[in-house]
Amino acid sequence: MDAAVSQLIDLALAEDIGPGDVTSTYFVPADRRSRAYINAREDGVLAGTEVAAEVFRRVSDEIEVRVMLEDGSKVSHGALVIEVSGPSRAILTAERTALNFLQRLSGVATLTSRFVKAVSGTDARILDTRKTTPGWRLLEKAAVLAGGGTNHRMGLYDRAMVKDNHLVAEGKLEYLQQAIVALKKDHPDVGVELEADHLEQVKDFLSLTGVDYILLDNMTLGELREAVQMRKGASPSLEASGGVNLTTVRGIAETGVDYISVGAVTHSAVGLDLGLDFVEEK
């Protein structure tokens, strides 16, 4: 369990429980023990199962947790995902926080899987972006992987991405080349990506050395195809961005680009409908 994720779980529990769960304390006998299952109430792809399990364990070490379906599993209505047993009060106290993590992350995985399915049969891969919930980036990017997608950079430190605002500050080709050389010298493992808004920029960027990716921003399908032809080889990789949705993504993939970045898989994913139900012990 990553330290940042562990801290996030503690913050979420503190936010929900506060000084104490008054409902469970006053309305559930202290000695009552139960068994319950988290189940799927709609079709989708799971993510966040281990985080949800950790929430229950964090509330009480008396809760026994069994993850029945792992991240990346496809589920249909009624599928059993996680089994918990132990003190009824503790299970009820942990329920909402566990479901919040699991529903949100499974929603990201599910939406990602739909984009991946839409481009199947092409060579294009679906990328996430940095448009993530603050503090949740590691979890949401893991959910993208569970849905079959590919992670873009994690942050500002692991890939240089020179966008239009950077180019406004200083966008001369000579300066760009000098900056790329300097970066590669100091950080040889850090990739370099340049954003192009039009084909003339693509032509200019292809003349530079050390460029690993070119981002083709808001280009038409015709422009994307032309950019692929201009490259005349396998590198640098070409990434399409802008105007991407489940209706347009197939056409974009068929232009021959290598990657398609989709901010929606994290910023617009709807939580997967999951619920926890207690089982009456006979």
C-alpha atoms as a PDB file:
ATOM      1  CA  MET A   1       0.000   0.000   0.000  1.00  0.00           C
ATOM      2  CA  ASP A   2       1.647   3.213  -1.214  1.00  0.00           C
ATOM      3  CA  ALA A   3       2.198   5.771   1.555  1.00  0.00           C
ATOM      4  CA  ALA A   4       0.148   8.415  -0.276  1.00  0.00           C
ATOM      5  CA  VAL A   5      -2.752   5.986  -0.763  1.00  0.00           C
ATOM      6  CA  SER A   6      -2.545   4.921   2.876  1.00  0.00           C
ATOM      7  CA  GLN A   7      -2.766   8.554   3.937  1.00  0.00           C
ATOM      8  CA  LEU A   8      -5.702   9.098   1.597  1.00  0.00           C
ATOM      9  CA  ILE A   9      -7.577   6.203   3.224  1.00  0.00           C
ATOM     10  CA  ASP A  10      -6.945   7.658   6.676  1.00  0.00           C
ATOM     11  CA  LEU A  11      -8.168  11.088   5.548  1.00  0.00           C
ATOM     12  CA  ALA A  12     -11.300   9.608   4.006  1.00  0.00           C
ATOM     13  CA  LEU A  13     -12.136   7.643   7.137  1.00  0.00           C
ATOM     14  CA  ALA A  14     -11.497  10.624   9.400  1.00  0.00           C
ATOM     15  CA  GLU A  15     -13.723  12.758   7.194  1.00  0.00           C
ATOM     16  CA  ASP A  16     -16.586  10.265   7.417  1.00  0.00           C
ATOM     17  CA  ILE A  17     -16.309   8.953  10.970  1.00  0.00           C
ATOM     18  CA  GLY A  18     -15.285  12.132  12.772  1.00  0.00           C
ATOM     19  CA  PRO A  19     -15.641  11.625  16.547  1.00  0.00           C
ATOM     20  CA  GLY A  20     -17.645   8.430  16.028  1.00  0.00           C
ATOM     21  CA  ASP A  21     -20.311   6.549  14.058  1.00  0.00           C
ATOM     22  CA  VAL A  22     -23.353   7.392  16.168  1.00  0.00           C
ATOM     23  CA  THR A  23     -25.769   5.296  14.099  1.00  0.00           C
ATOM     24  CA  SER A  24     -23.858   2.034  14.456  1.00  0.00           C
ATOM     25  CA  THR A  25     -22.940   2.751  18.085  1.00  0.00           C
ATOM     26  CA  TYR A  26     -26.523   3.278  19.223  1.00  0.00           C
ATOM     27  CA  PHE A  27     -28.498   1.070  16.877  1.00  0.00           C
ATOM     28  CA  VAL A  28     -26.302  -2.021  16.430  1.00  0.00           C
ATOM     29  CA  PRO A  29     -25.435  -4.297  19.401  1.00  0.00           C
ATOM     30  CA  ALA A  30     -21.720  -4.272  20.214  1.00  0.00           C
ATOM     31  CA  ASP A  31     -21.465  -8.069  20.149  1.00  0.00           C
ATOM     32  CA  ARG A  32     -23.293  -8.532  16.819  1.00  0.00           C
ATOM     33  CA  ARG A  33     -21.206 -10.130  14.065  1.00  0.00           C
ATOM     34  CA  SER A  34     -22.175 -10.316  10.400  1.00  0.00           C
ATOM     35  CA  ARG A  35     -21.160 -11.399   6.926  1.00  0.00           C
ATOM     36  CA  ALA A  36     -21.657  -9.105   3.944  1.00  0.00           C
ATOM     37  CA  TYR A  37     -20.796  -8.949   0.255  1.00  0.00           C
ATOM     38  CA  ILE A  38     -20.013  -6.080  -2.054  1.00  0.00           C
ATOM     39  CA  ASN A  39     -21.736  -6.885  -5.321  1.00  0.00           C
ATOM     40  CA  ALA A  40     -22.062  -5.360  -8.771  1.00  0.00           C
ATOM     41  CA  ARG A  41     -25.386  -3.790  -9.676  1.00  0.00           C
ATOM     42  CA  GLU A  42     -24.432  -3.116 -13.287  1.00  0.00           C
ATOM     43  CA  ASP A  43     -21.921  -4.347 -15.858  1.00  0.00           C
ATOM     44  CA  GLY A  44     -18.417  -2.906 -15.763  1.00  0.00           C
ATOM     45  CA  VAL A  45     -14.735  -3.378 -14.989  1.00  0.00           C
ATOM     46  CA  LEU A  46     -13.363  -3.425 -11.458  1.00  0.00           C
ATOM     47  CA  ALA A  47     -10.600  -1.289  -9.966  1.00  0.00           C
ATOM     48  CA  GLY A  48      -9.742  -0.391  -6.385  1.00  0.00           C
ATOM     49  CA  THR A  49     -10.553  -3.757  -4.805  1.00  0.00           C
ATOM     50  CA  GLU A  50      -7.448  -3.820  -2.598  1.00  0.00           C
ATOM     51  CA  VAL A  51      -8.016  -0.227  -1.506  1.00  0.00           C
ATOM     52  CA  ALA A  52     -11.580  -1.045  -0.508  1.00  0.00           C
ATOM     53  CA  ALA A  53     -10.354  -4.119   1.352  1.00  0.00           C
ATOM     54  CA  GLU A  54      -7.787  -2.011   3.211  1.00  0.00           C
ATOM     55  CA  VAL A  55     -10.520   0.396   4.333  1.00  0.00           C
ATOM     56  CA  PHE A  56     -12.301  -2.429   6.157  1.00  0.00           C
ATOM     57  CA  ARG A  57      -9.048  -3.631   7.724  1.00  0.00           C
ATOM     58  CA  ARG A  58      -8.156  -0.105   8.781  1.00  0.00           C
ATOM     59  CA  VAL A  59     -11.462   0.295  10.638  1.00  0.00           C
ATOM     60  CA  SER A  60     -11.072  -2.973  12.543  1.00  0.00           C
ATOM     61  CA  ASP A  61      -8.480  -5.735  12.596  1.00  0.00           C
ATOM     62  CA  GLU A  62     -11.323  -8.083  13.501  1.00  0.00           C
ATOM     63  CA  ILE A  63     -12.843  -7.747  10.025  1.00  0.00           C
ATOM     64  CA  GLU A  64     -11.882 -10.584   7.708  1.00  0.00           C
ATOM     65  CA  VAL A  65     -11.780  -9.539   4.045  1.00  0.00           C
ATOM     66  CA  ARG A  66     -11.718 -11.762   0.973  1.00  0.00           C
ATOM     67  CA  VAL A  67     -11.285 -10.113  -2.428  1.00  0.00           C
ATOM     68  CA  MET A  68     -13.206 -12.402  -4.752  1.00  0.00           C
ATOM     69  CA  LEU A  69     -12.582 -10.556  -8.029  1.00  0.00           C
ATOM     70  CA  GLU A  70      -9.378  -8.636  -8.736  1.00  0.00           C
ATOM     71  CA  ASP A  71      -8.848  -5.333 -10.519  1.00  0.00           C
ATOM     72  CA  GLY A  72      -9.395  -5.630 -14.258  1.00  0.00           C
ATOM     73  CA  SER A  73     -12.140  -8.229 -13.862  1.00  0.00           C
ATOM     74  CA  LYS A  74     -15.243  -7.741 -15.952  1.00  0.00           C
ATOM     75  CA  VAL A  75     -18.413  -7.964 -13.886  1.00  0.00           C
ATOM     76  CA  SER A  76     -22.093  -8.231 -14.614  1.00  0.00           C
ATOM     77  CA  HIS A  77     -25.088  -7.492 -12.424  1.00  0.00           C
ATOM     78  CA  GLY A  78     -25.057  -9.624  -9.301  1.00  0.00           C
ATOM     79  CA  ALA A  79     -21.368 -10.555  -9.348  1.00  0.00           C
ATOM     80  CA  LEU A  80     -19.847 -10.884  -5.865  1.00  0.00           C
ATOM     81  CA  VAL A  81     -16.714  -8.739  -5.537  1.00  0.00           C
ATOM     82  CA  ILE A  82     -15.615  -8.665  -1.889  1.00  0.00           C
ATOM     83  CA  GLU A  83     -16.677 -10.696   1.150  1.00  0.00           C
ATOM     84  CA  VAL A  84     -16.334  -9.216   4.651  1.00  0.00           C
ATOM     85  CA  SER A  85     -17.109 -10.750   8.004  1.00  0.00           C
ATOM     86  CA  GLY A  86     -16.665  -9.539  11.559  1.00  0.00           C
ATOM     87  CA  PRO A  87     -18.167  -6.987  13.958  1.00  0.00           C
ATOM     88  CA  SER A  88     -21.319  -5.551  12.423  1.00  0.00           C
ATOM     89  CA  ARG A  89     -20.603  -2.063  13.708  1.00  0.00           C
ATOM     90  CA  ALA A  90     -17.174  -1.951  12.097  1.00  0.00           C
ATOM     91  CA  ILE A  91     -18.435  -3.246   8.758  1.00  0.00           C
ATOM     92  CA  LEU A  92     -21.137  -0.589   8.669  1.00  0.00           C
ATOM     93  CA  THR A  93     -18.675   2.140   9.649  1.00  0.00           C
ATOM     94  CA  ALA A  94     -16.338   1.200   6.807  1.00  0.00           C
ATOM     95  CA  GLU A  95     -19.035   0.574   4.183  1.00  0.00           C
ATOM     96  CA  ARG A  96     -19.396   3.988   2.568  1.00  0.00           C
ATOM     97  CA  THR A  97     -15.715   4.866   2.427  1.00  0.00           C
ATOM     98  CA  ALA A  98     -14.862   1.470   0.922  1.00  0.00           C
ATOM     99  CA  LEU A  99     -17.604   1.855  -1.668  1.00  0.00           C
ATOM    100  CA  ASN A 100     -16.561   5.406  -2.504  1.00  0.00           C
ATOM    101  CA  PHE A 101     -13.096   4.201  -3.490  1.00  0.00           C
ATOM    102  CA  LEU A 102     -14.336   1.107  -5.293  1.00  0.00           C
ATOM    103  CA  GLN A 103     -17.167   2.803  -7.207  1.00  0.00           C
ATOM    104  CA  ARG A 104     -15.064   5.760  -8.338  1.00  0.00           C
ATOM    105  CA  LEU A 105     -12.095   3.680  -9.485  1.00  0.00           C
ATOM    106  CA  SER A 106     -14.259   1.037 -11.144  1.00  0.00           C
ATOM    107  CA  GLY A 107     -16.000   3.837 -13.017  1.00  0.00           C
ATOM    108  CA  VAL A 108     -12.628   4.973 -14.384  1.00  0.00           C
ATOM    109  CA  ALA A 109     -11.719   1.405 -15.379  1.00  0.00           C
ATOM    110  CA  THR A 110     -15.099   0.859 -17.011  1.00  0.00           C
ATOM    111  CA  LEU A 111     -14.989   4.030 -19.106  1.00  0.00           C
ATOM    112  CA  THR A 112     -11.393   3.312 -20.116  1.00  0.00           C
ATOM    113  CA  SER A 113     -12.382  -0.180 -21.251  1.00  0.00           C
ATOM    114  CA  ARG A 114     -15.055   1.306 -23.518  1.00  0.00           C
ATOM    115  CA  PHE A 115     -12.492   3.512 -25.262  1.00  0.00           C
ATOM    116  CA  VAL A 116     -10.083   0.593 -25.561  1.00  0.00           C
ATOM    117  CA  LYS A 117     -12.802  -1.563 -27.086  1.00  0.00           C
ATOM    118  CA  ALA A 118     -13.704   1.223 -29.525  1.00  0.00           C
ATOM    119  CA  VAL A 119     -10.172   1.227 -31.017  1.00  0.00           C
ATOM    120  CA  SER A 120      -9.641  -2.548 -31.007  1.00  0.00           C
ATOM    121  CA  GLY A 121      -8.030  -3.825 -34.199  1.00  0.00           C
ATOM    122  CA  THR A 122      -5.968  -0.652 -34.656  1.00  0.00           C
ATOM    123  CA  ASP A 123      -2.487   0.063 -33.342  1.00  0.00           C
ATOM    124  CA  ALA A 124      -3.618   3.058 -31.292  1.00  0.00           C
ATOM    125  CA  ARG A 125      -3.433   2.945 -27.519  1.00  0.00           C
ATOM    126  CA  ILE A 126      -5.636   4.905 -25.127  1.00  0.00           C
ATOM    127  CA  LEU A 127      -3.757   7.268 -22.796  1.00  0.00           C
ATOM    128  CA  ASP A 128      -4.894   9.006 -19.643  1.00  0.00           C
ATOM    129  CA  THR A 129      -3.868  12.573 -18.739  1.00  0.00           C
ATOM    130  CA  ARG A 130      -3.042  14.627 -15.646  1.00  0.00           C
ATOM    131  CA  LYS A 131      -6.701  15.624 -15.364  1.00  0.00           C
ATOM    132  CA  THR A 132      -7.109  13.558 -12.219  1.00  0.00           C
ATOM    133  CA  THR A 133      -8.739  14.124  -8.846  1.00  0.00           C
ATOM    134  CA  PRO A 134      -6.159  15.859  -6.600  1.00  0.00           C
ATOM    135  CA  GLY A 135      -4.573  13.253  -4.347  1.00  0.00           C
ATOM    136  CA  TRP A 136      -6.075  10.353  -6.305  1.00  0.00           C
ATOM    137  CA  ARG A 137      -3.652  10.266  -9.252  1.00  0.00           C
ATOM    138  CA  LEU A 138      -1.923   6.976  -8.432  1.00  0.00           C
ATOM    139  CA  LEU A 139      -5.267   5.276  -7.866  1.00  0.00           C
ATOM    140  CA  GLU A 140      -6.960   6.671 -10.961  1.00  0.00           C
ATOM    141  CA  LYS A 141      -4.006   5.857 -13.198  1.00  0.00           C
ATOM    142  CA  ALA A 142      -3.977   2.317 -11.795  1.00  0.00           C
ATOM    143  CA  ALA A 143      -7.685   2.154 -12.659  1.00  0.00           C
ATOM    144  CA  VAL A 144      -6.885   3.195 -16.239  1.00  0.00           C
ATOM    145  CA  LEU A 145      -4.481   0.248 -16.455  1.00  0.00           C
ATOM    146  CA  ALA A 146      -7.175  -2.051 -15.066  1.00  0.00           C
ATOM    147  CA  GLY A 147      -9.439  -0.894 -17.893  1.00  0.00           C
ATOM    148  CA  GLY A 148      -6.824  -1.731 -20.522  1.00  0.00           C
ATOM    149  CA  GLY A 149      -5.508   1.783 -21.051  1.00  0.00           C
ATOM    150  CA  THR A 150      -1.952   3.124 -20.923  1.00  0.00           C
ATOM    151  CA  ASN A 151      -0.538   5.680 -18.510  1.00  0.00           C
ATOM    152  CA  HIS A 152       0.813   8.978 -19.798  1.00  0.00           C
ATOM    153  CA  ARG A 153       3.266  10.856 -17.569  1.00  0.00           C
ATOM    154  CA  MET A 154       2.578  10.693 -13.837  1.00  0.00           C
ATOM    155  CA  GLY A 155       3.490  14.327 -13.273  1.00  0.00           C
ATOM    156  CA  LEU A 156       5.683  17.216 -14.299  1.00  0.00           C
ATOM    157  CA  TYR A 157       8.820  15.272 -13.409  1.00  0.00           C
ATOM    158  CA  ASP A 158       8.815  12.182 -15.636  1.00  0.00           C
ATOM    159  CA  ARG A 159       8.236  13.665 -19.095  1.00  0.00           C
ATOM    160  CA  ALA A 160       8.888  17.094 -20.561  1.00  0.00           C
ATOM    161  CA  MET A 161       5.737  18.175 -22.384  1.00  0.00           C
ATOM    162  CA  VAL A 162       6.203  21.469 -24.226  1.00  0.00           C
ATOM    163  CA  LYS A 163       2.743  22.872 -24.892  1.00  0.00           C
ATOM    164  CA  ASP A 164       1.513  25.995 -26.630  1.00  0.00           C
ATOM    165  CA  ASN A 165       1.912  28.207 -23.568  1.00  0.00           C
ATOM    166  CA  HIS A 166       5.537  27.118 -23.199  1.00  0.00           C
ATOM    167  CA  LEU A 167       6.106  27.897 -26.871  1.00  0.00           C
ATOM    168  CA  VAL A 168       4.638  31.363 -26.472  1.00  0.00           C
ATOM    169  CA  ALA A 169       7.274  32.020 -23.821  1.00  0.00           C
ATOM    170  CA  GLU A 170      10.105  30.895 -26.099  1.00  0.00           C
ATOM    171  CA  GLY A 171       9.329  28.780 -29.131  1.00  0.00           C
ATOM    172  CA  LYS A 172      12.201  29.297 -31.557  1.00  0.00           C
ATOM    173  CA  LEU A 173      13.476  26.043 -33.030  1.00  0.00           C
ATOM    174  CA  GLU A 174      17.074  26.816 -32.138  1.00  0.00           C
ATOM    175  CA  TYR A 175      16.143  27.374 -28.518  1.00  0.00           C
ATOM    176  CA  LEU A 176      13.990  24.215 -28.465  1.00  0.00           C
ATOM    177  CA  GLN A 177      16.875  22.126 -29.779  1.00  0.00           C
ATOM    178  CA  GLN A 178      19.250  23.534 -27.186  1.00  0.00           C
ATOM    179  CA  ALA A 179      16.732  22.858 -24.422  1.00  0.00           C
ATOM    180  CA  ILE A 180      16.200  19.256 -25.579  1.00  0.00           C
ATOM    181  CA  VAL A 181      19.951  18.599 -25.638  1.00  0.00           C
ATOM    182  CA  ALA A 182      20.365  20.082 -22.156  1.00  0.00           C
ATOM    183  CA  LEU A 183      17.462  18.060 -20.743  1.00  0.00           C
ATOM    184  CA  LYS A 184      18.684  14.804 -22.265  1.00  0.00           C
ATOM    185  CA  LYS A 185      22.138  15.428 -20.817  1.00  0.00           C
ATOM    186  CA  ASP A 186      20.832  16.005 -17.293  1.00  0.00           C
ATOM    187  CA  HIS A 187      17.896  13.545 -17.421  1.00  0.00           C
ATOM    188  CA  PRO A 188      18.531  10.906 -20.112  1.00  0.00           C
ATOM    189  CA  ASP A 189      15.525   8.813 -19.033  1.00  0.00           C
ATOM    190  CA  VAL A 190      13.008  11.657 -19.321  1.00  0.00           C
ATOM    191  CA  GLY A 191      11.059  11.706 -22.583  1.00  0.00           C
ATOM    192  CA  VAL A 192      10.418  14.882 -24.583  1.00  0.00           C
ATOM    193  CA  GLU A 193       7.021  15.678 -26.087  1.00  0.00           C
ATOM    194  CA  LEU A 194       6.172  18.745 -28.189  1.00  0.00           C
ATOM    195  CA  GLU A 195       2.637  19.951 -28.859  1.00  0.00           C
ATOM    196  CA  ALA A 196       1.778  20.867 -32.458  1.00  0.00           C
ATOM    197  CA  ASP A 197      -1.343  22.829 -33.342  1.00  0.00           C
ATOM    198  CA  HIS A 198      -0.817  22.668 -37.112  1.00  0.00           C
ATOM    199  CA  LEU A 199       1.132  20.682 -39.708  1.00  0.00           C
ATOM    200  CA  GLU A 200       3.818  23.324 -40.182  1.00  0.00           C
ATOM    201  CA  GLN A 201       4.765  22.830 -36.545  1.00  0.00           C
ATOM    202  CA  VAL A 202       4.847  19.070 -37.083  1.00  0.00           C
ATOM    203  CA  LYS A 203       7.306  19.595 -39.935  1.00  0.00           C
ATOM    204  CA  ASP A 204       9.475  21.828 -37.756  1.00  0.00           C
ATOM    205  CA  PHE A 205       9.439  19.416 -34.816  1.00  0.00           C
ATOM    206  CA  LEU A 206      10.366  16.473 -37.039  1.00  0.00           C
ATOM    207  CA  SER A 207      13.557  18.341 -37.945  1.00  0.00           C
ATOM    208  CA  LEU A 208      14.700  18.338 -34.309  1.00  0.00           C
ATOM    209  CA  THR A 209      16.697  15.562 -32.655  1.00  0.00           C
ATOM    210  CA  GLY A 210      15.780  14.049 -29.305  1.00  0.00           C
ATOM    211  CA  VAL A 211      12.015  14.429 -29.693  1.00  0.00           C
ATOM    212  CA  ASP A 212      10.252  11.298 -28.426  1.00  0.00           C
ATOM    213  CA  TYR A 213       6.614  12.298 -28.950  1.00  0.00           C
ATOM    214  CA  ILE A 214       4.644  14.879 -30.911  1.00  0.00           C
ATOM    215  CA  LEU A 215       1.202  15.771 -29.623  1.00  0.00           C
ATOM    216  CA  LEU A 216      -1.212  16.527 -32.476  1.00  0.00           C
ATOM    217  CA  ASP A 217      -3.694  18.851 -30.828  1.00  0.00           C
ATOM    218  CA  ASN A 218      -7.222  19.289 -32.173  1.00  0.00           C
ATOM    219  CA  MET A 219      -6.315  18.305 -35.722  1.00  0.00           C
ATOM    220  CA  THR A 220      -8.776  17.032 -38.314  1.00  0.00           C
ATOM    221  CA  LEU A 221      -8.660  13.421 -39.445  1.00  0.00           C
ATOM    222  CA  GLY A 222      -7.055  14.532 -42.680  1.00  0.00           C
ATOM    223  CA  GLU A 223      -4.367  16.456 -40.811  1.00  0.00           C
ATOM    224  CA  LEU A 224      -3.704  13.486 -38.547  1.00  0.00           C
ATOM    225  CA  ARG A 225      -3.235  11.203 -41.554  1.00  0.00           C
ATOM    226  CA  GLU A 226      -0.908  13.728 -43.163  1.00  0.00           C
ATOM    227  CA  ALA A 227       1.146  14.003 -39.975  1.00  0.00           C
ATOM    228  CA  VAL A 228       1.550  10.216 -39.929  1.00  0.00           C
ATOM    229  CA  GLN A 229       2.784  10.351 -43.540  1.00  0.00           C
ATOM    230  CA  MET A 230       5.170  13.213 -42.758  1.00  0.00           C
ATOM    231  CA  ARG A 231       6.841  11.184 -40.031  1.00  0.00           C
ATOM    232  CA  LYS A 232       8.117   8.535 -42.498  1.00  0.00           C
ATOM    233  CA  GLY A 233       9.041   6.019 -39.823  1.00  0.00           C
ATOM    234  CA  ALA A 234       8.251   4.736 -36.363  1.00  0.00           C
ATOM    235  CA  SER A 235       9.527   7.685 -34.381  1.00  0.00           C
ATOM    236  CA  PRO A 236       8.783  10.028 -32.840  1.00  0.00           C
ATOM    237  CA  SER A 237       5.508   8.600 -31.548  1.00  0.00           C
ATOM    238  CA  LEU A 238       2.409  10.560 -32.505  1.00  0.00           C
ATOM    239  CA  GLU A 239      -0.311  11.298 -29.981  1.00  0.00           C
ATOM    240  CA  ALA A 240      -3.722  12.697 -30.923  1.00  0.00           C
ATOM    241  CA  SER A 241      -5.615  14.885 -28.479  1.00  0.00           C
ATOM    242  CA  GLY A 242      -8.742  17.019 -28.486  1.00  0.00           C
ATOM    243  CA  GLY A 243     -12.307  16.274 -29.538  1.00  0.00           C
ATOM    244  CA  VAL A 244     -12.004  12.666 -28.420  1.00  0.00           C
ATOM    245  CA  ASN A 245     -15.136  10.819 -27.371  1.00  0.00           C
ATOM    246  CA  LEU A 246     -16.599   7.362 -27.892  1.00  0.00           C
ATOM    247  CA  THR A 247     -18.094   8.474 -31.194  1.00  0.00           C
ATOM    248  CA  THR A 248     -14.923   9.981 -32.671  1.00  0.00           C
ATOM    249  CA  VAL A 249     -12.159   7.818 -31.196  1.00  0.00           C
ATOM    250  CA  ARG A 250     -12.367   5.038 -33.797  1.00  0.00           C
ATOM    251  CA  GLY A 251     -11.846   7.412 -36.699  1.00  0.00           C
ATOM    252  CA  ILE A 252      -8.898   9.011 -34.926  1.00  0.00           C
ATOM    253  CA  ALA A 253      -7.316   5.605 -34.303  1.00  0.00           C
ATOM    254  CA  GLU A 254      -7.662   4.640 -37.959  1.00  0.00           C
ATOM    255  CA  THR A 255      -5.482   7.587 -39.052  1.00  0.00           C
ATOM    256  CA  GLY A 256      -2.428   5.665 -37.861  1.00  0.00           C
ATOM    257  CA  VAL A 257      -1.525   7.635 -34.731  1.00  0.00           C
ATOM    258  CA  ASP A 258       0.195   5.705 -31.956  1.00  0.00           C
ATOM    259  CA  TYR A 259      -1.643   7.130 -28.987  1.00  0.00           C
ATOM    260  CA  ILE A 260      -4.905   8.910 -28.229  1.00  0.00           C
ATOM    261  CA  SER A 261      -5.085  10.852 -24.969  1.00  0.00           C
ATOM    262  CA  VAL A 262      -8.498  10.963 -23.332  1.00  0.00           C
ATOM    263  CA  GLY A 263      -8.925  13.217 -20.317  1.00  0.00           C
ATOM    264  CA  ALA A 264     -12.496  12.022 -19.929  1.00  0.00           C
ATOM    265  CA  VAL A 265     -11.474   8.603 -18.618  1.00  0.00           C
ATOM    266  CA  THR A 266     -10.563  10.264 -15.324  1.00  0.00           C
ATOM    267  CA  HIS A 267     -12.316  13.624 -15.205  1.00  0.00           C
ATOM    268  CA  SER A 268     -15.709  12.457 -16.495  1.00  0.00           C
ATOM    269  CA  ALA A 269     -16.001   8.845 -15.374  1.00  0.00           C
ATOM    270  CA  VAL A 270     -19.260   7.948 -13.601  1.00  0.00           C
ATOM    271  CA  GLY A 271     -18.926   5.644 -10.611  1.00  0.00           C
ATOM    272  CA  LEU A 272     -19.847   2.017 -11.159  1.00  0.00           C
ATOM    273  CA  ASP A 273     -22.969   0.996  -9.256  1.00  0.00           C
ATOM    274  CA  LEU A 274     -21.813  -1.332  -6.479  1.00  0.00           C
ATOM    275  CA  GLY A 275     -23.426  -2.067  -3.145  1.00  0.00           C
ATOM    276  CA  LEU A 276     -22.883  -3.913   0.112  1.00  0.00           C
ATOM    277  CA  ASP A 277     -25.520  -6.342   1.361  1.00  0.00           C
ATOM    278  CA  PHE A 278     -25.580  -8.190   4.658  1.00  0.00           C
ATOM    279  CA  VAL A 279     -26.367 -11.903   4.653  1.00  0.00           C
ATOM    280  CA  GLU A 280     -28.628 -13.325   7.326  1.00  0.00           C
ATOM    281  CA  GLU A 281     -26.766 -16.068   9.197  1.00  0.00           C
ATOM    282  CA  LYS A 282     -28.920 -19.141   9.793  1.00  0.00           C
END
